Amino acid sequence: MIVNGLVVAVAGSTGQQGGAVARRLLADGWTVRALTRDPTSPGARALADADADVRAVDMADPPH
């Protein structure tokens, strides 16, 4: 479900807190963009399998 055209971005989506938030939002039918440093990790793949849009993001990487 995209509520009012919104997508929820979850930073740290493969960690404990971010992962719990992402899984709950997905279970509730939200569209989730899962932000993680390693989109090939088992946690990221599990989120992708649950229909999250997994994106590689490193908050420490300065803009170009």
Protein backbone atom coordinates (compact mmCIF):
# COMPACT_ATOMS: atom_id res chain seq x y z
CA MET A 1 0.00 0.00 0.00
CA ILE A 2 1.33 3.42 -0.84
CA VAL A 3 -0.36 5.74 1.62
CA ASN A 4 -0.97 9.13 0.04
CA GLY A 5 1.73 8.26 -2.50
CA LEU A 6 4.34 7.92 0.25
CA VAL A 7 7.22 5.49 0.54
CA VAL A 8 8.78 5.00 3.98
CA ALA A 9 12.61 5.01 3.97
CA VAL A 10 14.16 3.06 6.85
CA ALA A 11 17.82 3.80 7.58
CA GLY A 12 19.81 0.98 9.12
CA SER A 13 17.20 -1.47 7.92
CA THR A 14 19.37 -4.54 8.53
CA GLY A 15 20.14 -3.65 12.14
CA GLN A 16 18.05 -4.58 15.16
CA GLN A 17 15.89 -1.46 15.42
CA GLY A 18 15.75 -0.57 11.74
CA GLY A 19 15.09 -4.18 10.81
CA ALA A 20 12.21 -4.43 13.27
CA VAL A 21 10.72 -1.20 11.93
CA ALA A 22 11.09 -2.28 8.29
CA ARG A 23 9.56 -5.72 8.94
CA ARG A 24 6.62 -4.22 10.85
CA LEU A 25 5.91 -1.65 8.16
CA LEU A 26 6.06 -4.33 5.48
CA ALA A 27 3.73 -6.55 7.51
CA ASP A 28 1.29 -3.64 7.77
CA GLY A 29 1.32 -3.18 3.99
CA TRP A 30 3.54 -0.10 3.66
CA THR A 31 5.94 0.44 0.79
CA VAL A 32 9.41 0.37 2.35
CA ARG A 33 12.71 1.61 0.97
CA ALA A 34 15.32 -0.22 3.04
CA LEU A 35 18.59 1.71 3.31
CA THR A 36 21.67 -0.35 4.12
CA ARG A 37 25.41 -0.28 3.53
CA ASP A 38 25.42 -3.82 2.11
CA PRO A 39 22.43 -4.75 -0.05
CA THR A 40 23.89 -8.25 -0.53
CA SER A 41 23.79 -9.13 3.19
CA PRO A 42 21.41 -11.86 4.36
CA GLY A 43 19.25 -9.29 6.20
CA ALA A 44 18.98 -7.09 3.11
CA ARG A 45 18.11 -10.08 0.93
CA ALA A 46 15.40 -11.10 3.41
CA LEU A 47 13.90 -7.61 3.21
CA ALA A 48 14.03 -7.71 -0.58
CA ASP A 49 12.26 -11.08 -0.49
CA ALA A 50 9.58 -9.40 1.65
CA ASP A 51 9.13 -6.78 -1.14
CA ALA A 52 11.22 -3.96 0.33
CA ASP A 53 13.08 -1.73 -2.13
CA VAL A 54 16.65 -2.26 -0.85
CA ARG A 55 19.16 0.51 -1.61
CA ALA A 56 22.88 0.81 -0.86
CA VAL A 57 23.50 3.90 1.26
CA ASP A 58 26.50 4.88 3.37
CA MET A 59 25.79 7.85 5.58
CA ALA A 60 29.54 8.41 6.05
CA ASP A 61 30.11 8.77 2.29
CA PRO A 62 30.26 12.49 1.44
CA PRO A 63 28.29 13.76 -1.56
CA HIS A 64 30.13 13.88 -4.86
